[in-house]
Amino acid sequence: MSGTEKGKARAEQAKGKAKEAVGRVVGNERMTAEGQADQAKGNARHAKEDVKDTFRH
């Protein structure tokens, strides 16, 4: 279960990084901010799963 959640977290981080890059290229500050927010959500999800793994083992 944790592996799929970590996969979702990585996908969210990648989506955010891509959205941020596109936002910077086209000069869209809102898209850049959304990309950074997506990355932060992915980082938080990944950290949560790391904590859960720590307590499982």
PDB file of N, CA and C in Angstrom:
ATOM      1  N   MET A   1       0.822  -1.181   0.000  1.00  0.00           N
ATOM      2  CA  MET A   1       0.000   0.000   0.000  1.00  0.00           C
ATOM      3  C   MET A   1       0.869   1.248   0.000  1.00  0.00           C
ATOM      4  N   SER A   2       1.900   1.249   0.784  1.00  0.00           N
ATOM      5  CA  SER A   2       2.757   2.415   0.889  1.00  0.00           C
ATOM      6  C   SER A   2       3.443   2.713  -0.441  1.00  0.00           C
ATOM      7  N   GLY A   3       3.771   1.672  -1.186  1.00  0.00           N
ATOM      8  CA  GLY A   3       4.431   1.873  -2.470  1.00  0.00           C
ATOM      9  C   GLY A   3       3.561   2.634  -3.454  1.00  0.00           C
ATOM     10  N   THR A   4       2.270   2.332  -3.452  1.00  0.00           N
ATOM     11  CA  THR A   4       1.384   3.043  -4.367  1.00  0.00           C
ATOM     12  C   THR A   4       1.209   4.489  -3.940  1.00  0.00           C
ATOM     13  N   GLU A   5       1.164   4.738  -2.650  1.00  0.00           N
ATOM     14  CA  GLU A   5       1.038   6.109  -2.157  1.00  0.00           C
ATOM     15  C   GLU A   5       2.304   6.912  -2.457  1.00  0.00           C
ATOM     16  N   LYS A   6       3.445   6.268  -2.320  1.00  0.00           N
ATOM     17  CA  LYS A   6       4.691   6.961  -2.655  1.00  0.00           C
ATOM     18  C   LYS A   6       4.748   7.250  -4.149  1.00  0.00           C
ATOM     19  N   GLY A   7       4.214   6.331  -4.943  1.00  0.00           N
ATOM     20  CA  GLY A   7       4.149   6.560  -6.382  1.00  0.00           C
ATOM     21  C   GLY A   7       3.271   7.756  -6.717  1.00  0.00           C
ATOM     22  N   LYS A   8       2.143   7.853  -6.021  1.00  0.00           N
ATOM     23  CA  LYS A   8       1.258   9.000  -6.223  1.00  0.00           C
ATOM     24  C   LYS A   8       1.961  10.292  -5.820  1.00  0.00           C
ATOM     25  N   ALA A   9       2.728  10.232  -4.742  1.00  0.00           N
ATOM     26  CA  ALA A   9       3.458  11.411  -4.277  1.00  0.00           C
ATOM     27  C   ALA A   9       4.493  11.831  -5.315  1.00  0.00           C
ATOM     28  N   ARG A  10       5.206  10.866  -5.870  1.00  0.00           N
ATOM     29  CA  ARG A  10       6.217  11.187  -6.893  1.00  0.00           C
ATOM     30  C   ARG A  10       5.554  11.772  -8.134  1.00  0.00           C
ATOM     31  N   ALA A  11       4.394  11.215  -8.514  1.00  0.00           N
ATOM     32  CA  ALA A  11       3.680  11.729  -9.679  1.00  0.00           C
ATOM     33  C   ALA A  11       3.226  13.166  -9.439  1.00  0.00           C
ATOM     34  N   GLU A  12       2.754  13.433  -8.237  1.00  0.00           N
ATOM     35  CA  GLU A  12       2.313  14.784  -7.909  1.00  0.00           C
ATOM     36  C   GLU A  12       3.490  15.759  -7.920  1.00  0.00           C
ATOM     37  N   GLN A  13       4.628  15.315  -7.426  1.00  0.00           N
ATOM     38  CA  GLN A  13       5.824  16.158  -7.452  1.00  0.00           C
ATOM     39  C   GLN A  13       6.232  16.448  -8.896  1.00  0.00           C
ATOM     40  N   ALA A  14       6.211  15.429  -9.744  1.00  0.00           N
ATOM     41  CA  ALA A  14       6.608  15.609 -11.142  1.00  0.00           C
ATOM     42  C   ALA A  14       5.627  16.528 -11.869  1.00  0.00           C
ATOM     43  N   LYS A  15       4.335  16.341 -11.603  1.00  0.00           N
ATOM     44  CA  LYS A  15       3.325  17.190 -12.222  1.00  0.00           C
ATOM     45  C   LYS A  15       3.542  18.638 -11.802  1.00  0.00           C
ATOM     46  N   GLY A  16       3.824  18.848 -10.535  1.00  0.00           N
ATOM     47  CA  GLY A  16       4.058  20.192 -10.033  1.00  0.00           C
ATOM     48  C   GLY A  16       5.290  20.822 -10.645  1.00  0.00           C
ATOM     49  N   LYS A  17       6.339  20.028 -10.782  1.00  0.00           N
ATOM     50  CA  LYS A  17       7.582  20.546 -11.363  1.00  0.00           C
ATOM     51  C   LYS A  17       7.351  20.947 -12.825  1.00  0.00           C
ATOM     52  N   ALA A  18       6.599  20.134 -13.557  1.00  0.00           N
ATOM     53  CA  ALA A  18       6.308  20.453 -14.954  1.00  0.00           C
ATOM     54  C   ALA A  18       5.433  21.702 -15.054  1.00  0.00           C
ATOM     55  N   LYS A  19       4.413  21.776 -14.206  1.00  0.00           N
ATOM     56  CA  LYS A  19       3.517  22.932 -14.228  1.00  0.00           C
ATOM     57  C   LYS A  19       4.275  24.211 -13.877  1.00  0.00           C
ATOM     58  N   GLU A  20       5.166  24.110 -12.913  1.00  0.00           N
ATOM     59  CA  GLU A  20       5.967  25.269 -12.527  1.00  0.00           C
ATOM     60  C   GLU A  20       6.854  25.714 -13.692  1.00  0.00           C
ATOM     61  N   ALA A  21       7.484  24.767 -14.367  1.00  0.00           N
ATOM     62  CA  ALA A  21       8.371  25.092 -15.482  1.00  0.00           C
ATOM     63  C   ALA A  21       7.589  25.745 -16.621  1.00  0.00           C
ATOM     64  N   VAL A  22       6.430  25.206 -16.949  1.00  0.00           N
ATOM     65  CA  VAL A  22       5.617  25.789 -18.019  1.00  0.00           C
ATOM     66  C   VAL A  22       5.170  27.192 -17.622  1.00  0.00           C
ATOM     67  N   GLY A  23       4.771  27.347 -16.370  1.00  0.00           N
ATOM     68  CA  GLY A  23       4.353  28.658 -15.901  1.00  0.00           C
ATOM     69  C   GLY A  23       5.459  29.691 -16.017  1.00  0.00           C
ATOM     70  N   ARG A  24       6.669  29.292 -15.724  1.00  0.00           N
ATOM     71  CA  ARG A  24       7.807  30.224 -15.836  1.00  0.00           C
ATOM     72  C   ARG A  24       8.085  30.583 -17.291  1.00  0.00           C
ATOM     73  N   VAL A  25       7.979  29.577 -18.167  1.00  0.00           N
ATOM     74  CA  VAL A  25       8.275  29.816 -19.581  1.00  0.00           C
ATOM     75  C   VAL A  25       7.263  30.788 -20.191  1.00  0.00           C
ATOM     76  N   VAL A  26       5.983  30.583 -19.877  1.00  0.00           N
ATOM     77  CA  VAL A  26       4.955  31.437 -20.483  1.00  0.00           C
ATOM     78  C   VAL A  26       4.707  32.710 -19.670  1.00  0.00           C
ATOM     79  N   GLY A  27       5.350  32.823 -18.520  1.00  0.00           N
ATOM     80  CA  GLY A  27       5.208  34.022 -17.705  1.00  0.00           C
ATOM     81  C   GLY A  27       3.915  34.061 -16.902  1.00  0.00           C
ATOM     82  N   ASN A  28       3.361  32.900 -16.597  1.00  0.00           N
ATOM     83  CA  ASN A  28       2.105  32.814 -15.851  1.00  0.00           C
ATOM     84  C   ASN A  28       2.435  32.543 -14.380  1.00  0.00           C
ATOM     85  N   GLU A  29       2.336  33.568 -13.553  1.00  0.00           N
ATOM     86  CA  GLU A  29       2.691  33.431 -12.136  1.00  0.00           C
ATOM     87  C   GLU A  29       1.755  32.479 -11.396  1.00  0.00           C
ATOM     88  N   ARG A  30       0.486  32.488 -11.774  1.00  0.00           N
ATOM     89  CA  ARG A  30      -0.482  31.605 -11.107  1.00  0.00           C
ATOM     90  C   ARG A  30      -0.131  30.142 -11.350  1.00  0.00           C
ATOM     91  N   MET A  31       0.191  29.807 -12.579  1.00  0.00           N
ATOM     92  CA  MET A  31       0.546  28.422 -12.900  1.00  0.00           C
ATOM     93  C   MET A  31       1.832  28.023 -12.175  1.00  0.00           C
ATOM     94  N   THR A  32       2.774  28.947 -12.087  1.00  0.00           N
ATOM     95  CA  THR A  32       4.018  28.684 -11.366  1.00  0.00           C
ATOM     96  C   THR A  32       3.723  28.385  -9.902  1.00  0.00           C
ATOM     97  N   ALA A  33       2.850  29.184  -9.299  1.00  0.00           N
ATOM     98  CA  ALA A  33       2.482  28.983  -7.895  1.00  0.00           C
ATOM     99  C   ALA A  33       1.738  27.663  -7.702  1.00  0.00           C
ATOM    100  N   GLU A  34       0.856  27.326  -8.638  1.00  0.00           N
ATOM    101  CA  GLU A  34       0.138  26.051  -8.545  1.00  0.00           C
ATOM    102  C   GLU A  34       1.118  24.874  -8.627  1.00  0.00           C
ATOM    103  N   GLY A  35       2.107  25.003  -9.489  1.00  0.00           N
ATOM    104  CA  GLY A  35       3.118  23.955  -9.607  1.00  0.00           C
ATOM    105  C   GLY A  35       3.901  23.784  -8.318  1.00  0.00           C
ATOM    106  N   GLN A  36       4.247  24.892  -7.689  1.00  0.00           N
ATOM    107  CA  GLN A  36       4.966  24.823  -6.414  1.00  0.00           C
ATOM    108  C   GLN A  36       4.088  24.204  -5.338  1.00  0.00           C
ATOM    109  N   ALA A  37       2.790  24.525  -5.354  1.00  0.00           N
ATOM    110  CA  ALA A  37       1.860  23.947  -4.377  1.00  0.00           C
ATOM    111  C   ALA A  37       1.715  22.447  -4.591  1.00  0.00           C
ATOM    112  N   ASP A  38       1.634  22.019  -5.854  1.00  0.00           N
ATOM    113  CA  ASP A  38       1.548  20.582  -6.145  1.00  0.00           C
ATOM    114  C   ASP A  38       2.791  19.853  -5.647  1.00  0.00           C
ATOM    115  N   GLN A  39       3.947  20.470  -5.831  1.00  0.00           N
ATOM    116  CA  GLN A  39       5.184  19.857  -5.354  1.00  0.00           C
ATOM    117  C   GLN A  39       5.178  19.743  -3.835  1.00  0.00           C
ATOM    118  N   ALA A  40       4.701  20.768  -3.169  1.00  0.00           N
ATOM    119  CA  ALA A  40       4.640  20.750  -1.701  1.00  0.00           C
ATOM    120  C   ALA A  40       3.700  19.659  -1.212  1.00  0.00           C
ATOM    121  N   LYS A  41       2.557  19.501  -1.880  1.00  0.00           N
ATOM    122  CA  LYS A  41       1.622  18.438  -1.499  1.00  0.00           C
ATOM    123  C   LYS A  41       2.265  17.068  -1.699  1.00  0.00           C
ATOM    124  N   GLY A  42       2.978  16.910  -2.810  1.00  0.00           N
ATOM    125  CA  GLY A  42       3.671  15.650  -3.062  1.00  0.00           C
ATOM    126  C   GLY A  42       4.741  15.373  -2.023  1.00  0.00           C
ATOM    127  N   ASN A  43       5.471  16.408  -1.640  1.00  0.00           N
ATOM    128  CA  ASN A  43       6.507  16.254  -0.609  1.00  0.00           C
ATOM    129  C   ASN A  43       5.887  15.867   0.727  1.00  0.00           C
ATOM    130  N   ALA A  44       4.762  16.487   1.061  1.00  0.00           N
ATOM    131  CA  ALA A  44       4.086  16.179   2.326  1.00  0.00           C
ATOM    132  C   ALA A  44       3.567  14.750   2.323  1.00  0.00           C
ATOM    133  N   ARG A  45       2.984  14.334   1.206  1.00  0.00           N
ATOM    134  CA  ARG A  45       2.467  12.963   1.104  1.00  0.00           C
ATOM    135  C   ARG A  45       3.609  11.960   1.239  1.00  0.00           C
ATOM    136  N   HIS A  46       4.728  12.256   0.597  1.00  0.00           N
ATOM    137  CA  HIS A  46       5.882  11.366   0.652  1.00  0.00           C
ATOM    138  C   HIS A  46       6.418  11.282   2.082  1.00  0.00           C
ATOM    139  N   ALA A  47       6.495  12.410   2.755  1.00  0.00           N
ATOM    140  CA  ALA A  47       6.977  12.425   4.144  1.00  0.00           C
ATOM    141  C   ALA A  47       6.044  11.630   5.050  1.00  0.00           C
ATOM    142  N   LYS A  48       4.752  11.761   4.828  1.00  0.00           N
ATOM    143  CA  LYS A  48       3.768  11.014   5.622  1.00  0.00           C
ATOM    144  C   LYS A  48       3.983   9.511   5.454  1.00  0.00           C
ATOM    145  N   GLU A  49       4.218   9.080   4.224  1.00  0.00           N
ATOM    146  CA  GLU A  49       4.439   7.660   3.975  1.00  0.00           C
ATOM    147  C   GLU A  49       5.750   7.188   4.593  1.00  0.00           C
ATOM    148  N   ASP A  50       6.771   8.037   4.588  1.00  0.00           N
ATOM    149  CA  ASP A  50       8.035   7.677   5.227  1.00  0.00           C
ATOM    150  C   ASP A  50       7.835   7.461   6.739  1.00  0.00           C
ATOM    151  N   VAL A  51       7.035   8.321   7.357  1.00  0.00           N
ATOM    152  CA  VAL A  51       6.752   8.173   8.786  1.00  0.00           C
ATOM    153  C   VAL A  51       5.999   6.869   9.033  1.00  0.00           C
ATOM    154  N   LYS A  52       5.022   6.590   8.198  1.00  0.00           N
ATOM    155  CA  LYS A  52       4.251   5.359   8.353  1.00  0.00           C
ATOM    156  C   LYS A  52       5.168   4.126   8.195  1.00  0.00           C
ATOM    157  N   ASP A  53       6.083   4.191   7.233  1.00  0.00           N
ATOM    158  CA  ASP A  53       7.024   3.080   7.039  1.00  0.00           C
ATOM    159  C   ASP A  53       7.921   2.893   8.250  1.00  0.00           C
ATOM    160  N   THR A  54       8.349   3.991   8.851  1.00  0.00           N
ATOM    161  CA  THR A  54       9.210   3.931  10.019  1.00  0.00           C
ATOM    162  C   THR A  54       8.530   3.187  11.165  1.00  0.00           C
ATOM    163  N   PHE A  55       7.263   3.475  11.379  1.00  0.00           N
ATOM    164  CA  PHE A  55       6.544   2.826  12.465  1.00  0.00           C
ATOM    165  C   PHE A  55       6.133   1.392  12.144  1.00  0.00           C
ATOM    166  N   ARG A  56       6.046   1.049  10.878  1.00  0.00           N
ATOM    167  CA  ARG A  56       5.716  -0.328  10.473  1.00  0.00           C
ATOM    168  C   ARG A  56       6.887  -1.272  10.742  1.00  0.00           C
ATOM    169  N   HIS A  57       8.105  -0.757  10.563  1.00  0.00           N
ATOM    170  CA  HIS A  57       9.285  -1.628  10.658  1.00  0.00           C
ATOM    171  C   HIS A  57       9.874  -1.464  11.996  1.00  0.00           C
TER     172      HIS A  57
END
